[in-house]
C-alpha atoms as a PDB file:
ATOM      1  CA  UNK A   1      -0.106  -0.076  -0.018  1.00  0.00           C
ATOM      2  CA  UNK A   2       1.368   3.392  -0.912  1.00  0.00           C
ATOM      3  CA  UNK A   3       0.286   7.115  -1.104  1.00  0.00           C
ATOM      4  CA  UNK A   4       1.173   9.107  -3.965  1.00  0.00           C
ATOM      5  CA  UNK A   5      -0.030  12.299  -5.807  1.00  0.00           C
ATOM      6  CA  UNK A   6      -2.557  11.777  -8.135  1.00  0.00           C
ATOM      7  CA  UNK A   7      -1.924  11.895 -12.035  1.00  0.00           C
ATOM      8  CA  UNK A   8      -4.344  12.519 -14.678  1.00  0.00           C
ATOM      9  CA  UNK A   9      -4.751   8.864 -15.578  1.00  0.00           C
ATOM     10  CA  UNK A  10      -6.320   8.307 -12.245  1.00  0.00           C
ATOM     11  CA  UNK A  11      -9.179  10.545 -12.954  1.00  0.00           C
ATOM     12  CA  UNK A  12     -11.402   7.681 -13.734  1.00  0.00           C
ATOM     13  CA  UNK A  13     -10.219   5.709 -11.137  1.00  0.00           C
ATOM     14  CA  UNK A  14     -11.037   8.405  -8.695  1.00  0.00           C
ATOM     15  CA  UNK A  15     -14.357   8.991  -9.969  1.00  0.00           C
ATOM     16  CA  UNK A  16     -15.661   5.809  -9.566  1.00  0.00           C
ATOM     17  CA  UNK A  17     -14.079   5.335  -6.189  1.00  0.00           C
ATOM     18  CA  UNK A  18     -15.706   8.734  -4.908  1.00  0.00           C
ATOM     19  CA  UNK A  19     -19.167   7.198  -6.920  1.00  0.00           C
ATOM     20  CA  UNK A  20     -19.342   4.128  -5.274  1.00  0.00           C
ATOM     21  CA  UNK A  21     -18.739   5.768  -1.836  1.00  0.00           C
ATOM     22  CA  UNK A  22     -21.268   8.464  -1.982  1.00  0.00           C
ATOM     23  CA  UNK A  23     -24.095   6.058  -2.821  1.00  0.00           C
ATOM     24  CA  UNK A  24     -22.990   3.783  -0.065  1.00  0.00           C
ATOM     25  CA  UNK A  25     -22.185   6.051   2.850  1.00  0.00           C
ATOM     26  CA  UNK A  26     -23.561   9.440   2.024  1.00  0.00           C
ATOM     27  CA  UNK A  27     -26.508   9.928  -0.536  1.00  0.00           C
ATOM     28  CA  UNK A  28     -28.945   8.145   2.461  1.00  0.00           C
ATOM     29  CA  UNK A  29     -28.347  10.848   4.850  1.00  0.00           C
ATOM     30  CA  UNK A  30     -29.723  13.392   2.070  1.00  0.00           C
ATOM     31  CA  UNK A  31     -33.241  14.216   0.522  1.00  0.00           C
ATOM     32  CA  UNK A  32     -34.377  12.980  -2.781  1.00  0.00           C
ATOM     33  CA  UNK A  33     -33.587  16.816  -4.140  1.00  0.00           C
ATOM     34  CA  UNK A  34     -29.648  16.620  -2.376  1.00  0.00           C
ATOM     35  CA  UNK A  35     -29.425  13.183  -3.680  1.00  0.00           C
ATOM     36  CA  UNK A  36     -30.042  14.349  -6.943  1.00  0.00           C
ATOM     37  CA  UNK A  37     -27.935  17.342  -6.911  1.00  0.00           C
ATOM     38  CA  UNK A  38     -25.024  15.886  -4.964  1.00  0.00           C
ATOM     39  CA  UNK A  39     -24.758  13.040  -7.880  1.00  0.00           C
ATOM     40  CA  UNK A  40     -24.986  15.194 -10.492  1.00  0.00           C
ATOM     41  CA  UNK A  41     -21.747  17.581  -9.191  1.00  0.00           C
ATOM     42  CA  UNK A  42     -19.634  14.382  -8.170  1.00  0.00           C
ATOM     43  CA  UNK A  43     -17.833  13.785 -11.838  1.00  0.00           C
ATOM     44  CA  UNK A  44     -17.196  17.741 -11.869  1.00  0.00           C
ATOM     45  CA  UNK A  45     -16.188  18.401  -8.833  1.00  0.00           C
ATOM     46  CA  UNK A  46     -13.117  15.510  -8.808  1.00  0.00           C
ATOM     47  CA  UNK A  47     -11.988  16.947 -12.226  1.00  0.00           C
ATOM     48  CA  UNK A  48     -11.703  20.547 -10.550  1.00  0.00           C
ATOM     49  CA  UNK A  49      -9.468  18.724  -7.678  1.00  0.00           C
ATOM     50  CA  UNK A  50      -6.891  17.874 -10.689  1.00  0.00           C
ATOM     51  CA  UNK A  51      -6.437  21.482 -11.053  1.00  0.00           C
ATOM     52  CA  UNK A  52      -2.902  21.000  -9.625  1.00  0.00           C
ATOM     53  CA  UNK A  53      -2.534  25.287  -9.422  1.00  0.00           C
ATOM     54  CA  UNK A  54      -4.828  25.192  -6.655  1.00  0.00           C
ATOM     55  CA  UNK A  55      -5.568  21.792  -5.525  1.00  0.00           C
ATOM     56  CA  UNK A  56      -2.879  19.409  -3.776  1.00  0.00           C
ATOM     57  CA  UNK A  57      -4.572  15.822  -4.069  1.00  0.00           C
ATOM     58  CA  UNK A  58      -3.100  12.054  -2.683  1.00  0.00           C
ATOM     59  CA  UNK A  59      -4.317   8.725  -3.900  1.00  0.00           C
ATOM     60  CA  UNK A  60      -4.039   5.517  -1.499  1.00  0.00           C
ATOM     61  CA  UNK A  61      -3.092   2.810  -3.749  1.00  0.00           C
ATOM     62  CA  UNK A  62      -3.159  -1.171  -3.435  1.00  0.00           C
ATOM     63  CA  UNK A  63      -2.449  -3.699  -5.597  1.00  0.00           C
ATOM     64  CA  UNK A  64      -2.594  -0.647  -8.478  1.00  0.00           C
ATOM     65  CA  UNK A  65      -6.179   0.305  -7.503  1.00  0.00           C
ATOM     66  CA  UNK A  66      -6.799   3.580  -5.678  1.00  0.00           C
ATOM     67  CA  UNK A  67      -8.649   3.195  -2.953  1.00  0.00           C
ATOM     68  CA  UNK A  68      -8.531   6.259  -1.250  1.00  0.00           C
ATOM     69  CA  UNK A  69      -8.470   9.954  -2.247  1.00  0.00           C
ATOM     70  CA  UNK A  70      -7.955  13.234  -0.835  1.00  0.00           C
ATOM     71  CA  UNK A  71      -8.016  16.708  -1.877  1.00  0.00           C
ATOM     72  CA  UNK A  72      -6.589  19.741  -0.038  1.00  0.00           C
ATOM     73  CA  UNK A  73      -7.771  23.310  -1.401  1.00  0.00           C
ATOM     74  CA  UNK A  74      -5.566  26.340  -1.264  1.00  0.00           C
ATOM     75  CA  UNK A  75      -3.582  24.851   1.176  1.00  0.00           C
ATOM     76  CA  UNK A  76      -6.074  25.231   3.871  1.00  0.00           C
ATOM     77  CA  UNK A  77      -9.468  23.305   2.880  1.00  0.00           C
ATOM     78  CA  UNK A  78     -10.325  19.807   2.503  1.00  0.00           C
ATOM     79  CA  UNK A  79     -12.620  18.994  -0.110  1.00  0.00           C
ATOM     80  CA  UNK A  80     -12.595  15.459  -0.651  1.00  0.00           C
ATOM     81  CA  UNK A  81     -11.371  12.268   1.546  1.00  0.00           C
ATOM     82  CA  UNK A  82     -12.979   9.218   0.594  1.00  0.00           C
ATOM     83  CA  UNK A  83     -11.708   5.231   1.358  1.00  0.00           C
ATOM     84  CA  UNK A  84     -13.068   2.855  -0.470  1.00  0.00           C
ATOM     85  CA  UNK A  85     -15.939   1.092   1.929  1.00  0.00           C
ATOM     86  CA  UNK A  86     -14.186  -2.569   1.736  1.00  0.00           C
ATOM     87  CA  UNK A  87     -11.181  -0.480   3.372  1.00  0.00           C
ATOM     88  CA  UNK A  88     -12.596   1.797   5.902  1.00  0.00           C
ATOM     89  CA  UNK A  89     -12.514   1.416   9.605  1.00  0.00           C
ATOM     90  CA  UNK A  90      -8.728   0.032   9.225  1.00  0.00           C
ATOM     91  CA  UNK A  91      -6.934   3.286  10.139  1.00  0.00           C
ATOM     92  CA  UNK A  92      -6.465   4.295   6.384  1.00  0.00           C
ATOM     93  CA  UNK A  93      -8.607   7.340   6.469  1.00  0.00           C
ATOM     94  CA  UNK A  94      -6.260   8.356   9.310  1.00  0.00           C
ATOM     95  CA  UNK A  95      -3.203   7.387   7.353  1.00  0.00           C
ATOM     96  CA  UNK A  96      -4.451   9.407   4.231  1.00  0.00           C
ATOM     97  CA  UNK A  97      -5.808  12.634   6.049  1.00  0.00           C
ATOM     98  CA  UNK A  98      -2.410  12.765   8.106  1.00  0.00           C
ATOM     99  CA  UNK A  99      -0.397  12.821   4.922  1.00  0.00           C
ATOM    100  CA  UNK A 100      -2.843  15.286   3.206  1.00  0.00           C
ATOM    101  CA  UNK A 101      -2.430  17.620   6.434  1.00  0.00           C
ATOM    102  CA  UNK A 102       1.513  17.406   6.078  1.00  0.00           C
ATOM    103  CA  UNK A 103       1.170  18.923   2.624  1.00  0.00           C
ATOM    104  CA  UNK A 104       0.098  22.587   4.515  1.00  0.00           C
ATOM    105  CA  UNK A 105       1.782  24.608   6.730  1.00  0.00           C
ATOM    106  CA  UNK A 106      -1.685  26.700   7.493  1.00  0.00           C
ATOM    107  CA  UNK A 107      -2.672  26.960  11.270  1.00  0.00           C
ATOM    108  CA  UNK A 108      -6.235  26.606  10.427  1.00  0.00           C
ATOM    109  CA  UNK A 109      -7.782  23.925   7.937  1.00  0.00           C
ATOM    110  CA  UNK A 110     -11.749  23.498   7.362  1.00  0.00           C
ATOM    111  CA  UNK A 111     -13.554  21.477   5.924  1.00  0.00           C
ATOM    112  CA  UNK A 112     -17.528  20.446   5.481  1.00  0.00           C
ATOM    113  CA  UNK A 113     -17.907  17.536   6.904  1.00  0.00           C
ATOM    114  CA  UNK A 114     -20.749  14.663   5.698  1.00  0.00           C
ATOM    115  CA  UNK A 115     -22.438  13.849   8.532  1.00  0.00           C
ATOM    116  CA  UNK A 116     -21.751  10.024   8.627  1.00  0.00           C
ATOM    117  CA  UNK A 117     -17.937  11.237   8.815  1.00  0.00           C
ATOM    118  CA  UNK A 118     -18.324  13.946  11.489  1.00  0.00           C
ATOM    119  CA  UNK A 119     -17.314  11.627  14.173  1.00  0.00           C
ATOM    120  CA  UNK A 120     -14.049  10.580  12.386  1.00  0.00           C
ATOM    121  CA  UNK A 121     -13.344  14.255  11.851  1.00  0.00           C
ATOM    122  CA  UNK A 122     -13.811  14.649  15.518  1.00  0.00           C
ATOM    123  CA  UNK A 123     -11.577  11.924  16.462  1.00  0.00           C
ATOM    124  CA  UNK A 124      -8.775  13.976  14.399  1.00  0.00           C
ATOM    125  CA  UNK A 125      -8.882  17.064  16.378  1.00  0.00           C
ATOM    126  CA  UNK A 126     -11.487  18.730  13.989  1.00  0.00           C
ATOM    127  CA  UNK A 127     -14.184  20.796  15.837  1.00  0.00           C
ATOM    128  CA  UNK A 128     -17.787  21.983  14.472  1.00  0.00           C
ATOM    129  CA  UNK A 129     -17.976  25.814  13.671  1.00  0.00           C
ATOM    130  CA  UNK A 130     -21.469  25.514  13.008  1.00  0.00           C
ATOM    131  CA  UNK A 131     -24.658  23.198  13.546  1.00  0.00           C
ATOM    132  CA  UNK A 132     -25.186  20.802  10.996  1.00  0.00           C
ATOM    133  CA  UNK A 133     -26.398  22.350   7.611  1.00  0.00           C
ATOM    134  CA  UNK A 134     -28.879  21.839   5.251  1.00  0.00           C
ATOM    135  CA  UNK A 135     -28.250  23.176   1.602  1.00  0.00           C
ATOM    136  CA  UNK A 136     -30.675  22.072  -1.145  1.00  0.00           C
ATOM    137  CA  UNK A 137     -30.958  18.662   0.698  1.00  0.00           C
ATOM    138  CA  UNK A 138     -27.367  18.200   0.798  1.00  0.00           C
ATOM    139  CA  UNK A 139     -26.109  17.394   5.062  1.00  0.00           C
ATOM    140  CA  UNK A 140     -22.897  18.643   5.862  1.00  0.00           C
ATOM    141  CA  UNK A 141     -21.315  20.118   9.534  1.00  0.00           C
ATOM    142  CA  UNK A 142     -18.773  22.646   8.966  1.00  0.00           C
ATOM    143  CA  UNK A 143     -15.508  22.008  11.013  1.00  0.00           C
ATOM    144  CA  UNK A 144     -12.099  23.511  11.701  1.00  0.00           C
ATOM    145  CA  UNK A 145      -8.513  22.192  12.843  1.00  0.00           C
ATOM    146  CA  UNK A 146      -6.363  24.652  14.647  1.00  0.00           C
ATOM    147  CA  UNK A 147      -2.919  23.636  14.616  1.00  0.00           C
ATOM    148  CA  UNK A 148      -0.275  24.829  16.554  1.00  0.00           C
END
């Protein structure tokens, strides 16, 4: 197992990974409207993260297959952190998050946690900055990590 920067050639594997995790872990928490909106944006949102001028991306690889993906925008905002559902609860999310955080010296890192991931982020030191939000049926919790 290894962690590396993503390459353009990883795009379709990353989109497939994100779609699979979204369908299983995230969409069940959304309204029908939120599900349709979120699903319609997965590919374009991943494509945006491949802009190396604004994002730093990492992939977690097992047997030449992308099983994890994380993206950091402008050195302070995590937009994506996904682990293949078959590899969850093995410490790989923490491993990928730690590697992503090592790419920035920002004193504060922010994200919007899906409601199913809030406990994970809290266990990594993130705190909610507001209560749960619901925008067009998409539920999330704004969070931040203050680093010293």
